[in-house]
Every structure is written in C-alpha cells, then in structure tokens.
Amino acid sequence: MLLEINNLTVEFSSMQDKIVALQNVSLAINDGEIVGIVGESGSGKSVTALSILGLLEKNARIASGTIQYKGTNLLTLDKKGLQSLRGKEIGMVFQEPMTALHPTMRIGDQLAEVIHRHRNISYREAYQQAVLSLAEVRINDPELVARKFPFELSGGMRQRVVIALAMSSPPDLLIADEPTTALDVTIQNEILKLMQELAAKRGTSIMLITHDLGVVSQVCQRVVVMYAGEVVETGMTEEVLQHPRHPYTRALIGALPDLADPGQPLSAIPGDAPDLRNRPKGCAFASRCPHSLPICQEDHPVLELVSAASTTHYVSCWGRETG
C-alpha cells in the first residue's frame, strides 16, 4: 500500500466558529493505481490533498487520524521532513497552472531548478533534462518553450509544463487537483491521456481530484465519492458507476449526459449541502435525499460493504441493501 488515510478529521477555527471540514475520512491508494476523488465543491477533496502534503492553512487542525505513506505517518514529520517528500516523492498538479509557475522566471529555469534540487546533477545537466521533460509532455519545440515565460503560453501548454514539473523527480505519488477544469474538451482529453501514459511509464500512482465522474470513468481504476467532508461510497470505478448504492452518487451520475440513462432528463440535486459549522446528527445527505428514512435523521451511517458478496464496494447509507 503506497498511501493509506485512516479516520482523518480536520477542523478549521475562526474567532466565532469551528468548521469540521473532514470527518473520519479513510481511503487508500496502491502502487501504480489511479484513484479518483470525486464530489461537488466543499466536499473535502482539496482539504484531503493538502493534509497529505502538510499544506493546510494555519487555522486548520488535524483532530484525529493518520496518513500513512510507505509505512510512515506523515502527521509525525516535521516541516523539513515534509519538504523532503514534496516534489521528490509526492508531486502536485493544481487546477490553475499559473499558481504553480513563477511569473517572472523562464520555463526552462523553473524546471531546471526543481530537477537540480531533487537530483544529484549539475545545473547544466538539469536544464538539459528540463528540455527533455518538455518534449516528454509533447510540447513542440521544447527548446523555444524553455526560453518563454508562463504568460506567453496557452492554458493547455502551461498545464503540460506543470505536469512536466510535477513528474520531473519522478514522484511515486502524483496528486492532481482538478487538472483539466479550465481547459476545453479536446485539450482536457489530451492532458488526461498524457497523465495516464506518464504514470504507466514511470509507475506513478495518481490521486485525481475532480467534480466530474465522466473524467473518473475515463482514467481511474477506483473511485472515492465524498460529500460534506465524508467518504460516502468507494469501490472499483466500473462497479460504482454501474451499480451506485449511495443516493448522492446516483444524483451525480444522473446529472452527467455521458453517464445518465439514455432518454432520461438530466437531474439536479435539490437543496444545499449542510453547514459544516453545525453538522447534522444523522446522515449529512439526508435533507437532500429522496429516499431518506427516519433513521437517516437520527443516526450516522458507517462505511460498510454493500453486501456479503462484495469485497471492494463500500457505502455509507442506511438504505444500502435496497440500492
């Protein structure tokens, strides 16, 4: 097991309130595996990623849980220990590449600096590797692009540069946070295919954070569905998408043209997500669920196998046996 998160709870505090952004989140990623973390905005996807990297804001507190990476609990590492992992063993691709690129440094220098820092080679060799990295992510004329500044590149080109940057060590785990959201469909598909190919070539595992189950269906072996800072369903991608057991997963599928039943109108999820400053006593999705039972309002369900016949498909729902 490359990464294993167990019962992770994260709180954010302000002068007036305490927000429980993650509550007892558990998930795992195996060597060479691509796992999709899916859910709408505010579901806890990015907070989970930032917890792994030790990049939570100062007002955040990890109240409980562990994050095991190659057998080491990352929550026990000091700042220097985490910095030694970031970039070298755990790479990150952000939604907006301009936030990951220095606006006043040329592309080649940015890549060379990272490679020089993580590998025991000269800066000249690092720069040569930087150009090769740009070619590897299918950037035409990499020597020319290496001399350019980020603002001179298109969004798709910048995202390719960020992927080259993240994969330059190369890492054992790549965390990709909504890496294709701002791109058109054609470029999005190219970027996803590129990430798949690089991961397969280098044996890198990927945690792909997205709100789009359509993206998950294209590239992920397993999927973790999050809602209101909790894992509500997880399993092999094909199993979850073809036989969803949680009403929230069904609602997400019903809202996607490519995954919804043919001839059926697309559905919207009624209501709003709960206020995380005052979590519901029972199921967090109960107020929006069309199949809510009295027990859903009072008791919180736990993540369990959907049936005795399944070994990989888990759901947190009182109505799981009727799904």
C-alpha atoms as a PDB file:
ATOM      1  CA  MET A   1       0.000   0.000   0.000  1.00  0.00           C
ATOM      2  CA  LEU A   2       1.506   3.328  -1.056  1.00  0.00           C
ATOM      3  CA  LEU A   3      -0.874   5.686   0.765  1.00  0.00           C
ATOM      4  CA  GLU A   4      -3.418   4.894   3.471  1.00  0.00           C
ATOM      5  CA  ILE A   5      -5.542   7.501   5.236  1.00  0.00           C
ATOM      6  CA  ASN A   6      -7.425   6.335   8.320  1.00  0.00           C
ATOM      7  CA  ASN A   7     -10.211   8.236  10.114  1.00  0.00           C
ATOM      8  CA  LEU A   8      -8.832  11.670   9.232  1.00  0.00           C
ATOM      9  CA  THR A   9     -10.711  14.562  10.840  1.00  0.00           C
ATOM     10  CA  VAL A  10      -9.720  18.163  10.061  1.00  0.00           C
ATOM     11  CA  GLU A  11     -11.119  21.258  11.739  1.00  0.00           C
ATOM     12  CA  PHE A  12     -10.844  24.925  10.777  1.00  0.00           C
ATOM     13  CA  SER A  13     -11.247  27.508  13.527  1.00  0.00           C
ATOM     14  CA  SER A  14     -12.095  31.201  13.473  1.00  0.00           C
ATOM     15  CA  MET A  15     -12.994  33.698  16.185  1.00  0.00           C
ATOM     16  CA  GLN A  16     -16.630  32.613  16.085  1.00  0.00           C
ATOM     17  CA  ASP A  17     -16.859  29.123  14.631  1.00  0.00           C
ATOM     18  CA  LYS A  18     -15.280  25.705  14.234  1.00  0.00           C
ATOM     19  CA  ILE A  19     -15.775  24.014  10.878  1.00  0.00           C
ATOM     20  CA  VAL A  20     -15.275  20.250  10.611  1.00  0.00           C
ATOM     21  CA  ALA A  21     -14.037  20.109   7.005  1.00  0.00           C
ATOM     22  CA  LEU A  22     -13.204  16.385   7.078  1.00  0.00           C
ATOM     23  CA  GLN A  23     -14.827  13.799   9.309  1.00  0.00           C
ATOM     24  CA  ASN A  24     -13.340  10.301   9.682  1.00  0.00           C
ATOM     25  CA  VAL A  25     -12.079  10.121   6.089  1.00  0.00           C
ATOM     26  CA  SER A  26     -10.455   6.815   5.139  1.00  0.00           C
ATOM     27  CA  LEU A  27      -9.057   5.890   1.723  1.00  0.00           C
ATOM     28  CA  ALA A  28      -6.100   4.092   0.177  1.00  0.00           C
ATOM     29  CA  ILE A  29      -4.015   4.162  -2.998  1.00  0.00           C
ATOM     30  CA  ASN A  30      -1.984   1.177  -4.185  1.00  0.00           C
ATOM     31  CA  ASP A  31       1.267   1.249  -6.144  1.00  0.00           C
ATOM     32  CA  GLY A  32       0.690   2.253  -9.771  1.00  0.00           C
ATOM     33  CA  GLU A  33      -3.015   2.910  -9.228  1.00  0.00           C
ATOM     34  CA  ILE A  34      -5.109   5.878 -10.389  1.00  0.00           C
ATOM     35  CA  VAL A  35      -7.825   6.715  -7.856  1.00  0.00           C
ATOM     36  CA  GLY A  36     -10.473   9.357  -8.465  1.00  0.00           C
ATOM     37  CA  ILE A  37     -11.676  11.534  -5.575  1.00  0.00           C
ATOM     38  CA  VAL A  38     -14.992  12.998  -6.670  1.00  0.00           C
ATOM     39  CA  GLY A  39     -17.590  15.329  -5.188  1.00  0.00           C
ATOM     40  CA  GLU A  40     -19.029  18.814  -5.548  1.00  0.00           C
ATOM     41  CA  SER A  41     -17.287  21.940  -4.237  1.00  0.00           C
ATOM     42  CA  GLY A  42     -16.890  21.855  -0.465  1.00  0.00           C
ATOM     43  CA  SER A  43     -16.918  18.055  -0.232  1.00  0.00           C
ATOM     44  CA  GLY A  44     -13.394  17.934   1.227  1.00  0.00           C
ATOM     45  CA  LYS A  45     -11.389  16.762  -1.788  1.00  0.00           C
ATOM     46  CA  SER A  46      -8.767  19.513  -1.747  1.00  0.00           C
ATOM     47  CA  VAL A  47      -8.531  19.555   2.056  1.00  0.00           C
ATOM     48  CA  THR A  48      -7.668  15.852   1.890  1.00  0.00           C
ATOM     49  CA  ALA A  49      -4.882  16.563  -0.606  1.00  0.00           C
ATOM     50  CA  LEU A  50      -3.486  19.488   1.378  1.00  0.00           C
ATOM     51  CA  SER A  51      -3.497  17.342   4.519  1.00  0.00           C
ATOM     52  CA  ILE A  52      -1.281  14.796   2.767  1.00  0.00           C
ATOM     53  CA  LEU A  53       1.164  17.493   1.697  1.00  0.00           C
ATOM     54  CA  GLY A  54       1.154  19.301   5.047  1.00  0.00           C
ATOM     55  CA  LEU A  55      -0.064  22.494   3.385  1.00  0.00           C
ATOM     56  CA  LEU A  56      -3.191  23.227   5.398  1.00  0.00           C
ATOM     57  CA  GLU A  57      -3.813  26.819   6.459  1.00  0.00           C
ATOM     58  CA  LYS A  58      -2.656  27.985   9.874  1.00  0.00           C
ATOM     59  CA  ASN A  59      -6.182  27.925  11.302  1.00  0.00           C
ATOM     60  CA  ALA A  60      -6.540  24.217  10.458  1.00  0.00           C
ATOM     61  CA  ARG A  61      -6.059  21.422  12.956  1.00  0.00           C
ATOM     62  CA  ILE A  62      -5.893  17.687  12.350  1.00  0.00           C
ATOM     63  CA  ALA A  63      -8.069  16.482  15.207  1.00  0.00           C
ATOM     64  CA  SER A  64      -7.580  12.760  14.649  1.00  0.00           C
ATOM     65  CA  GLY A  65      -6.462  10.104  12.202  1.00  0.00           C
ATOM     66  CA  THR A  66      -3.308   9.025  10.385  1.00  0.00           C
ATOM     67  CA  ILE A  67      -1.841   9.464   6.900  1.00  0.00           C
ATOM     68  CA  GLN A  68       0.489   6.548   6.185  1.00  0.00           C
ATOM     69  CA  TYR A  69       2.849   6.966   3.214  1.00  0.00           C
ATOM     70  CA  LYS A  70       5.109   3.968   2.609  1.00  0.00           C
ATOM     71  CA  GLY A  71       4.513   2.987   6.213  1.00  0.00           C
ATOM     72  CA  THR A  72       5.372   6.403   7.704  1.00  0.00           C
ATOM     73  CA  ASN A  73       2.713   8.541   9.343  1.00  0.00           C
ATOM     74  CA  LEU A  74       3.146  11.906   7.593  1.00  0.00           C
ATOM     75  CA  LEU A  75       1.470  13.668  10.509  1.00  0.00           C
ATOM     76  CA  THR A  76       4.510  12.879  12.670  1.00  0.00           C
ATOM     77  CA  LEU A  77       7.008  14.532  10.302  1.00  0.00           C
ATOM     78  CA  ASP A  78       8.377  17.999  10.924  1.00  0.00           C
ATOM     79  CA  LYS A  79       8.462  20.766   8.313  1.00  0.00           C
ATOM     80  CA  LYS A  80      11.839  19.639   6.938  1.00  0.00           C
ATOM     81  CA  GLY A  81      10.672  16.030   6.660  1.00  0.00           C
ATOM     82  CA  LEU A  82       7.596  17.027   4.668  1.00  0.00           C
ATOM     83  CA  GLN A  83       9.608  19.329   2.419  1.00  0.00           C
ATOM     84  CA  SER A  84      11.911  16.452   1.540  1.00  0.00           C
ATOM     85  CA  LEU A  85       8.903  14.498   0.236  1.00  0.00           C
ATOM     86  CA  ARG A  86       7.139  17.283  -1.659  1.00  0.00           C
ATOM     87  CA  GLY A  87       8.138  17.378  -5.295  1.00  0.00           C
ATOM     88  CA  LYS A  88      10.577  14.488  -4.972  1.00  0.00           C
ATOM     89  CA  GLU A  89       8.274  11.655  -3.857  1.00  0.00           C
ATOM     90  CA  ILE A  90       4.872  13.362  -3.893  1.00  0.00           C
ATOM     91  CA  GLY A  91       4.120  15.669  -6.830  1.00  0.00           C
ATOM     92  CA  MET A  92       1.233  18.104  -7.198  1.00  0.00           C
ATOM     93  CA  VAL A  93      -0.668  19.435 -10.216  1.00  0.00           C
ATOM     94  CA  PHE A  94      -3.000  22.319  -9.433  1.00  0.00           C
ATOM     95  CA  GLN A  95      -6.193  23.403 -11.191  1.00  0.00           C
ATOM     96  CA  GLU A  96      -4.752  26.749 -12.293  1.00  0.00           C
ATOM     97  CA  PRO A  97      -1.182  26.280 -13.571  1.00  0.00           C
ATOM     98  CA  MET A  98      -0.321  29.963 -13.128  1.00  0.00           C
ATOM     99  CA  THR A  99      -0.434  29.447  -9.350  1.00  0.00           C
ATOM    100  CA  ALA A 100       2.291  26.784  -9.656  1.00  0.00           C
ATOM    101  CA  LEU A 101       4.562  28.694 -12.042  1.00  0.00           C
ATOM    102  CA  HIS A 102       6.728  31.689 -11.176  1.00  0.00           C
ATOM    103  CA  PRO A 103       5.528  34.508 -13.474  1.00  0.00           C
ATOM    104  CA  THR A 104       8.957  36.141 -13.886  1.00  0.00           C
ATOM    105  CA  MET A 105      11.065  33.004 -14.443  1.00  0.00           C
ATOM    106  CA  ARG A 106      11.545  31.332 -17.789  1.00  0.00           C
ATOM    107  CA  ILE A 107      10.020  27.855 -18.098  1.00  0.00           C
ATOM    108  CA  GLY A 108      13.332  26.072 -18.558  1.00  0.00           C
ATOM    109  CA  ASP A 109      14.863  27.713 -15.490  1.00  0.00           C
ATOM    110  CA  GLN A 110      11.885  26.747 -13.335  1.00  0.00           C
ATOM    111  CA  LEU A 111      12.090  23.117 -14.388  1.00  0.00           C
ATOM    112  CA  ALA A 112      15.882  23.027 -14.114  1.00  0.00           C
ATOM    113  CA  GLU A 113      15.769  24.436 -10.586  1.00  0.00           C
ATOM    114  CA  VAL A 114      13.440  21.663  -9.418  1.00  0.00           C
ATOM    115  CA  ILE A 115      15.427  18.927 -11.160  1.00  0.00           C
ATOM    116  CA  HIS A 116      18.710  20.298  -9.809  1.00  0.00           C
ATOM    117  CA  ARG A 117      17.286  20.334  -6.278  1.00  0.00           C
ATOM    118  CA  HIS A 118      15.945  16.775  -6.373  1.00  0.00           C
ATOM    119  CA  ARG A 119      18.681  15.037  -8.366  1.00  0.00           C
ATOM    120  CA  ASN A 120      22.426  14.914  -7.810  1.00  0.00           C
ATOM    121  CA  ILE A 121      23.349  16.539 -11.152  1.00  0.00           C
ATOM    122  CA  SER A 122      24.774  19.877 -12.287  1.00  0.00           C
ATOM    123  CA  TYR A 123      22.520  22.794 -13.223  1.00  0.00           C
ATOM    124  CA  ARG A 124      23.558  22.440 -16.885  1.00  0.00           C
ATOM    125  CA  GLU A 125      22.509  18.784 -16.886  1.00  0.00           C
ATOM    126  CA  ALA A 126      19.304  19.752 -15.077  1.00  0.00           C
ATOM    127  CA  TYR A 127      18.483  22.265 -17.807  1.00  0.00           C
ATOM    128  CA  GLN A 128      19.028  19.625 -20.479  1.00  0.00           C
ATOM    129  CA  GLN A 129      16.699  17.314 -18.547  1.00  0.00           C
ATOM    130  CA  ALA A 130      14.175  20.155 -18.328  1.00  0.00           C
ATOM    131  CA  VAL A 131      14.056  20.420 -22.124  1.00  0.00           C
ATOM    132  CA  LEU A 132      13.655  16.644 -22.395  1.00  0.00           C
ATOM    133  CA  SER A 133      10.811  16.815 -19.842  1.00  0.00           C
ATOM    134  CA  LEU A 134       9.009  19.367 -22.017  1.00  0.00           C
ATOM    135  CA  ALA A 135       9.380  17.081 -25.016  1.00  0.00           C
ATOM    136  CA  GLU A 136       8.049  14.170 -22.969  1.00  0.00           C
ATOM    137  CA  VAL A 137       4.771  16.028 -22.321  1.00  0.00           C
ATOM    138  CA  ARG A 138       4.509  16.564 -26.095  1.00  0.00           C
ATOM    139  CA  ILE A 139       5.379  20.227 -26.270  1.00  0.00           C
ATOM    140  CA  ASN A 140       6.544  21.137 -29.762  1.00  0.00           C
ATOM    141  CA  ASP A 141       9.899  22.914 -29.993  1.00  0.00           C
ATOM    142  CA  PRO A 142      10.773  22.408 -26.300  1.00  0.00           C
ATOM    143  CA  GLU A 143      13.982  24.449 -26.610  1.00  0.00           C
ATOM    144  CA  LEU A 144      11.946  27.503 -27.614  1.00  0.00           C
ATOM    145  CA  VAL A 145       9.286  26.961 -24.951  1.00  0.00           C
ATOM    146  CA  ALA A 146      12.006  26.601 -22.302  1.00  0.00           C
ATOM    147  CA  ARG A 147      13.017  30.205 -23.033  1.00  0.00           C
ATOM    148  CA  LYS A 148       9.496  31.549 -22.670  1.00  0.00           C
ATOM    149  CA  PHE A 149       7.688  32.979 -19.643  1.00  0.00           C
ATOM    150  CA  PRO A 150       4.413  31.408 -18.364  1.00  0.00           C
ATOM    151  CA  PHE A 151       2.249  34.292 -19.648  1.00  0.00           C
ATOM    152  CA  GLU A 152       3.450  33.583 -23.187  1.00  0.00           C
ATOM    153  CA  LEU A 153       1.872  30.111 -23.175  1.00  0.00           C
ATOM    154  CA  SER A 154      -1.723  28.949 -23.577  1.00  0.00           C
ATOM    155  CA  GLY A 155      -3.610  27.326 -20.686  1.00  0.00           C
ATOM    156  CA  GLY A 156      -3.113  23.858 -22.130  1.00  0.00           C
ATOM    157  CA  MET A 157       0.614  24.447 -22.642  1.00  0.00           C
ATOM    158  CA  ARG A 158       1.004  25.756 -19.089  1.00  0.00           C
ATOM    159  CA  GLN A 159      -0.727  22.671 -17.723  1.00  0.00           C
ATOM    160  CA  ARG A 160       1.676  20.459 -19.686  1.00  0.00           C
ATOM    161  CA  VAL A 161       4.568  22.395 -18.144  1.00  0.00           C
ATOM    162  CA  VAL A 162       3.124  21.879 -14.649  1.00  0.00           C
ATOM    163  CA  ILE A 163       2.809  18.139 -15.319  1.00  0.00           C
ATOM    164  CA  ALA A 164       6.423  18.065 -16.507  1.00  0.00           C
ATOM    165  CA  LEU A 165       7.364  19.946 -13.329  1.00  0.00           C
ATOM    166  CA  ALA A 166       5.445  17.542 -11.083  1.00  0.00           C
ATOM    167  CA  MET A 167       6.793  14.424 -12.820  1.00  0.00           C
ATOM    168  CA  SER A 168      10.406  15.579 -13.092  1.00  0.00           C
ATOM    169  CA  SER A 169      11.698  13.739  -9.972  1.00  0.00           C
ATOM    170  CA  PRO A 170       9.769  11.397 -10.809  1.00  0.00           C
ATOM    171  CA  PRO A 171       7.352  11.056  -7.846  1.00  0.00           C
ATOM    172  CA  ASP A 172       5.808   7.837  -6.584  1.00  0.00           C
ATOM    173  CA  LEU A 173       2.520   9.665  -5.945  1.00  0.00           C
ATOM    174  CA  LEU A 174       1.026  12.464  -8.038  1.00  0.00           C
ATOM    175  CA  ILE A 175      -1.853  14.487  -6.620  1.00  0.00           C
ATOM    176  CA  ALA A 176      -3.782  16.190  -9.430  1.00  0.00           C
ATOM    177  CA  ASP A 177      -6.356  18.698  -8.156  1.00  0.00           C
ATOM    178  CA  GLU A 178      -8.906  19.437 -10.911  1.00  0.00           C
ATOM    179  CA  PRO A 179      -6.112  19.492 -13.539  1.00  0.00           C
ATOM    180  CA  THR A 180      -8.409  19.877 -16.563  1.00  0.00           C
ATOM    181  CA  THR A 181     -11.275  22.040 -15.302  1.00  0.00           C
ATOM    182  CA  ALA A 182     -10.277  25.258 -17.117  1.00  0.00           C
ATOM    183  CA  LEU A 183      -9.483  23.509 -20.414  1.00  0.00           C
ATOM    184  CA  ASP A 184     -11.674  22.770 -23.423  1.00  0.00           C
ATOM    185  CA  VAL A 185     -12.774  19.178 -24.009  1.00  0.00           C
ATOM    186  CA  THR A 186     -10.134  18.352 -26.637  1.00  0.00           C
ATOM    187  CA  ILE A 187      -7.237  19.651 -24.524  1.00  0.00           C
ATOM    188  CA  GLN A 188      -8.757  18.031 -21.422  1.00  0.00           C
ATOM    189  CA  ASN A 189      -8.697  14.606 -23.063  1.00  0.00           C
ATOM    190  CA  GLU A 190      -5.109  15.133 -24.220  1.00  0.00           C
ATOM    191  CA  ILE A 191      -3.979  16.085 -20.700  1.00  0.00           C
ATOM    192  CA  LEU A 192      -5.732  13.087 -19.121  1.00  0.00           C
ATOM    193  CA  LYS A 193      -4.217  10.707 -21.659  1.00  0.00           C
ATOM    194  CA  LEU A 194      -0.794  12.258 -21.086  1.00  0.00           C
ATOM    195  CA  MET A 195      -1.057  11.777 -17.309  1.00  0.00           C
ATOM    196  CA  GLN A 196      -2.105   8.163 -17.786  1.00  0.00           C
ATOM    197  CA  GLU A 197       0.803   7.421 -20.107  1.00  0.00           C
ATOM    198  CA  LEU A 198       3.398   9.101 -17.881  1.00  0.00           C
ATOM    199  CA  ALA A 199       2.066   7.301 -14.800  1.00  0.00           C
ATOM    200  CA  ALA A 200       2.174   3.928 -16.557  1.00  0.00           C
ATOM    201  CA  LYS A 201       5.677   4.590 -17.893  1.00  0.00           C
ATOM    202  CA  ARG A 202       7.104   5.608 -14.517  1.00  0.00           C
ATOM    203  CA  GLY A 203       4.956   3.501 -12.188  1.00  0.00           C
ATOM    204  CA  THR A 204       3.499   6.590 -10.533  1.00  0.00           C
ATOM    205  CA  SER A 205       0.236   6.391  -8.572  1.00  0.00           C
ATOM    206  CA  ILE A 206      -2.246   9.226  -9.096  1.00  0.00           C
ATOM    207  CA  MET A 207      -4.836  10.754  -6.817  1.00  0.00           C
ATOM    208  CA  LEU A 208      -7.095  12.533  -9.302  1.00  0.00           C
ATOM    209  CA  ILE A 209      -9.357  15.101  -7.636  1.00  0.00           C
ATOM    210  CA  THR A 210     -12.356  16.120  -9.716  1.00  0.00           C
ATOM    211  CA  HIS A 211     -16.044  17.017  -9.604  1.00  0.00           C
ATOM    212  CA  ASP A 212     -16.606  15.133 -12.874  1.00  0.00           C
ATOM    213  CA  LEU A 213     -17.477  11.444 -12.787  1.00  0.00           C
ATOM    214  CA  GLY A 214     -17.074  11.403 -16.562  1.00  0.00           C
ATOM    215  CA  VAL A 215     -13.345  12.086 -16.094  1.00  0.00           C
ATOM    216  CA  VAL A 216     -13.165   9.365 -13.442  1.00  0.00           C
ATOM    217  CA  SER A 217     -14.784   6.845 -15.803  1.00  0.00           C
ATOM    218  CA  GLN A 218     -12.056   7.508 -18.392  1.00  0.00           C
ATOM    219  CA  VAL A 219      -8.907   7.084 -16.338  1.00  0.00           C
ATOM    220  CA  CYS A 220      -9.452   5.742 -12.796  1.00  0.00           C
ATOM    221  CA  GLN A 221      -9.348   2.143 -11.557  1.00  0.00           C
ATOM    222  CA  ARG A 222     -11.091   3.088  -8.302  1.00  0.00           C
ATOM    223  CA  VAL A 223     -13.264   5.970  -7.171  1.00  0.00           C
ATOM    224  CA  VAL A 224     -13.900   7.616  -3.799  1.00  0.00           C
ATOM    225  CA  VAL A 225     -17.091   9.694  -3.595  1.00  0.00           C
ATOM    226  CA  MET A 226     -17.027  12.462  -0.971  1.00  0.00           C
ATOM    227  CA  TYR A 227     -19.843  14.581   0.402  1.00  0.00           C
ATOM    228  CA  ALA A 228     -19.692  17.204   3.174  1.00  0.00           C
ATOM    229  CA  GLY A 229     -16.188  16.120   4.172  1.00  0.00           C
ATOM    230  CA  GLU A 230     -17.002  12.399   4.368  1.00  0.00           C
ATOM    231  CA  VAL A 231     -16.470   9.342   2.175  1.00  0.00           C
ATOM    232  CA  VAL A 232     -19.962   8.136   1.237  1.00  0.00           C
ATOM    233  CA  GLU A 233     -19.091   5.481  -1.357  1.00  0.00           C
ATOM    234  CA  THR A 234     -15.969   3.834  -2.729  1.00  0.00           C
ATOM    235  CA  GLY A 235     -15.057   0.901  -4.922  1.00  0.00           C
ATOM    236  CA  MET A 236     -13.855  -0.154  -8.348  1.00  0.00           C
ATOM    237  CA  THR A 237     -14.879   2.530 -10.835  1.00  0.00           C
ATOM    238  CA  GLU A 238     -16.953   0.288 -13.088  1.00  0.00           C
ATOM    239  CA  GLU A 239     -18.749  -1.225 -10.098  1.00  0.00           C
ATOM    240  CA  VAL A 240     -19.614   2.134  -8.529  1.00  0.00           C
ATOM    241  CA  LEU A 241     -20.705   3.804 -11.779  1.00  0.00           C
ATOM    242  CA  GLN A 242     -22.798   0.867 -12.987  1.00  0.00           C
ATOM    243  CA  HIS A 243     -24.277  -0.034  -9.591  1.00  0.00           C
ATOM    244  CA  PRO A 244     -24.183   3.093  -7.384  1.00  0.00           C
ATOM    245  CA  ARG A 245     -25.588   2.497  -3.903  1.00  0.00           C
ATOM    246  CA  HIS A 246     -25.495   5.964  -2.342  1.00  0.00           C
ATOM    247  CA  PRO A 247     -28.226   8.448  -3.401  1.00  0.00           C
ATOM    248  CA  TYR A 248     -25.574  11.158  -3.780  1.00  0.00           C
ATOM    249  CA  THR A 249     -23.555   9.028  -6.218  1.00  0.00           C
ATOM    250  CA  ARG A 250     -26.731   8.314  -8.174  1.00  0.00           C
ATOM    251  CA  ALA A 251     -27.506  12.030  -8.282  1.00  0.00           C
ATOM    252  CA  LEU A 252     -24.022  12.851  -9.608  1.00  0.00           C
ATOM    253  CA  ILE A 253     -24.395  10.212 -12.328  1.00  0.00           C
ATOM    254  CA  GLY A 254     -27.880  11.449 -13.196  1.00  0.00           C
ATOM    255  CA  ALA A 255     -26.538  14.948 -13.789  1.00  0.00           C
ATOM    256  CA  LEU A 256     -23.964  13.838 -16.390  1.00  0.00           C
ATOM    257  CA  PRO A 257     -25.043  13.433 -20.043  1.00  0.00           C
ATOM    258  CA  ASP A 258     -22.473  10.705 -20.722  1.00  0.00           C
ATOM    259  CA  LEU A 259     -23.433   8.591 -17.683  1.00  0.00           C
ATOM    260  CA  ALA A 260     -27.189   9.185 -17.313  1.00  0.00           C
ATOM    261  CA  ASP A 261     -29.685   6.651 -18.698  1.00  0.00           C
ATOM    262  CA  PRO A 262     -30.457   7.246 -22.405  1.00  0.00           C
ATOM    263  CA  GLY A 263     -33.623   9.269 -22.992  1.00  0.00           C
ATOM    264  CA  GLN A 264     -33.883  10.362 -19.363  1.00  0.00           C
ATOM    265  CA  PRO A 265     -33.764  14.077 -18.470  1.00  0.00           C
ATOM    266  CA  LEU A 266     -30.716  15.229 -16.525  1.00  0.00           C
ATOM    267  CA  SER A 267     -31.428  15.729 -12.837  1.00  0.00           C
ATOM    268  CA  ALA A 268     -30.293  18.376 -10.383  1.00  0.00           C
ATOM    269  CA  ILE A 269     -29.658  17.718  -6.703  1.00  0.00           C
ATOM    270  CA  PRO A 270     -32.247  19.647  -4.663  1.00  0.00           C
ATOM    271  CA  GLY A 271     -31.371  21.707  -1.610  1.00  0.00           C
ATOM    272  CA  ASP A 272     -27.974  22.701  -0.300  1.00  0.00           C
ATOM    273  CA  ALA A 273     -25.051  20.970   1.346  1.00  0.00           C
ATOM    274  CA  PRO A 274     -25.147  21.105   5.169  1.00  0.00           C
ATOM    275  CA  ASP A 275     -23.484  23.847   7.188  1.00  0.00           C
ATOM    276  CA  LEU A 276     -20.211  22.289   8.348  1.00  0.00           C
ATOM    277  CA  ARG A 277     -20.240  24.525  11.419  1.00  0.00           C
ATOM    278  CA  ASN A 278     -23.261  22.578  12.616  1.00  0.00           C
ATOM    279  CA  ARG A 279     -23.180  19.069  11.221  1.00  0.00           C
ATOM    280  CA  PRO A 280     -26.415  17.067  11.118  1.00  0.00           C
ATOM    281  CA  LYS A 281     -26.848  14.401  13.765  1.00  0.00           C
ATOM    282  CA  GLY A 282     -27.549  11.704  11.202  1.00  0.00           C
ATOM    283  CA  CYS A 283     -26.608  11.347   7.536  1.00  0.00           C
ATOM    284  CA  ALA A 284     -25.229  14.577   6.048  1.00  0.00           C
ATOM    285  CA  PHE A 285     -27.155  13.954   2.807  1.00  0.00           C
ATOM    286  CA  ALA A 286     -30.498  13.178   4.458  1.00  0.00           C
ATOM    287  CA  SER A 287     -32.076  16.612   3.838  1.00  0.00           C
ATOM    288  CA  ARG A 288     -31.444  16.286   0.084  1.00  0.00           C
ATOM    289  CA  CYS A 289     -32.140  12.574  -0.263  1.00  0.00           C
ATOM    290  CA  PRO A 290     -35.355  11.412  -1.992  1.00  0.00           C
ATOM    291  CA  HIS A 291     -35.172   8.087  -0.127  1.00  0.00           C
ATOM    292  CA  SER A 292     -34.490   9.399   3.371  1.00  0.00           C
ATOM    293  CA  LEU A 293     -35.664   7.181   6.248  1.00  0.00           C
ATOM    294  CA  PRO A 294     -36.396   8.250   9.852  1.00  0.00           C
ATOM    295  CA  ILE A 295     -33.125   6.627  10.973  1.00  0.00           C
ATOM    296  CA  CYS A 296     -31.201   8.812   8.493  1.00  0.00           C
ATOM    297  CA  GLN A 297     -32.111  11.916  10.508  1.00  0.00           C
ATOM    298  CA  GLU A 298     -31.021  10.451  13.829  1.00  0.00           C
ATOM    299  CA  ASP A 299     -28.099   8.046  13.350  1.00  0.00           C
ATOM    300  CA  HIS A 300     -24.965   8.493  11.296  1.00  0.00           C
ATOM    301  CA  PRO A 301     -24.296   5.562   8.917  1.00  0.00           C
ATOM    302  CA  VAL A 302     -20.844   3.984   8.705  1.00  0.00           C
ATOM    303  CA  LEU A 303     -18.912   2.895   5.627  1.00  0.00           C
ATOM    304  CA  GLU A 304     -19.639  -0.805   5.086  1.00  0.00           C
ATOM    305  CA  LEU A 305     -19.586  -3.331   2.267  1.00  0.00           C
ATOM    306  CA  VAL A 306     -22.724  -3.077   0.152  1.00  0.00           C
ATOM    307  CA  SER A 307     -23.325  -6.813   0.590  1.00  0.00           C
ATOM    308  CA  ALA A 308     -21.683 -10.027   1.685  1.00  0.00           C
ATOM    309  CA  ALA A 309     -20.983 -10.797  -1.974  1.00  0.00           C
ATOM    310  CA  SER A 310     -18.794  -7.712  -2.447  1.00  0.00           C
ATOM    311  CA  THR A 311     -15.188  -7.279  -1.331  1.00  0.00           C
ATOM    312  CA  THR A 312     -14.383  -3.824  -2.751  1.00  0.00           C
ATOM    313  CA  HIS A 313     -17.596  -1.774  -2.868  1.00  0.00           C
ATOM    314  CA  TYR A 314     -18.339   0.249   0.301  1.00  0.00           C
ATOM    315  CA  VAL A 315     -21.158   2.692   1.010  1.00  0.00           C
ATOM    316  CA  SER A 316     -22.244   4.821   3.957  1.00  0.00           C
ATOM    317  CA  CYS A 317     -26.030   4.626   3.727  1.00  0.00           C
ATOM    318  CA  TRP A 318     -28.815   3.120   5.807  1.00  0.00           C
ATOM    319  CA  GLY A 319     -30.582   2.058   2.612  1.00  0.00           C
ATOM    320  CA  ARG A 320     -27.567   0.309   1.057  1.00  0.00           C
ATOM    321  CA  GLU A 321     -29.248  -3.107   0.829  1.00  0.00           C
ATOM    322  CA  THR A 322     -32.083  -1.699  -1.305  1.00  0.00           C
ATOM    323  CA  GLY A 323     -29.774   0.066  -3.793  1.00  0.00           C
END
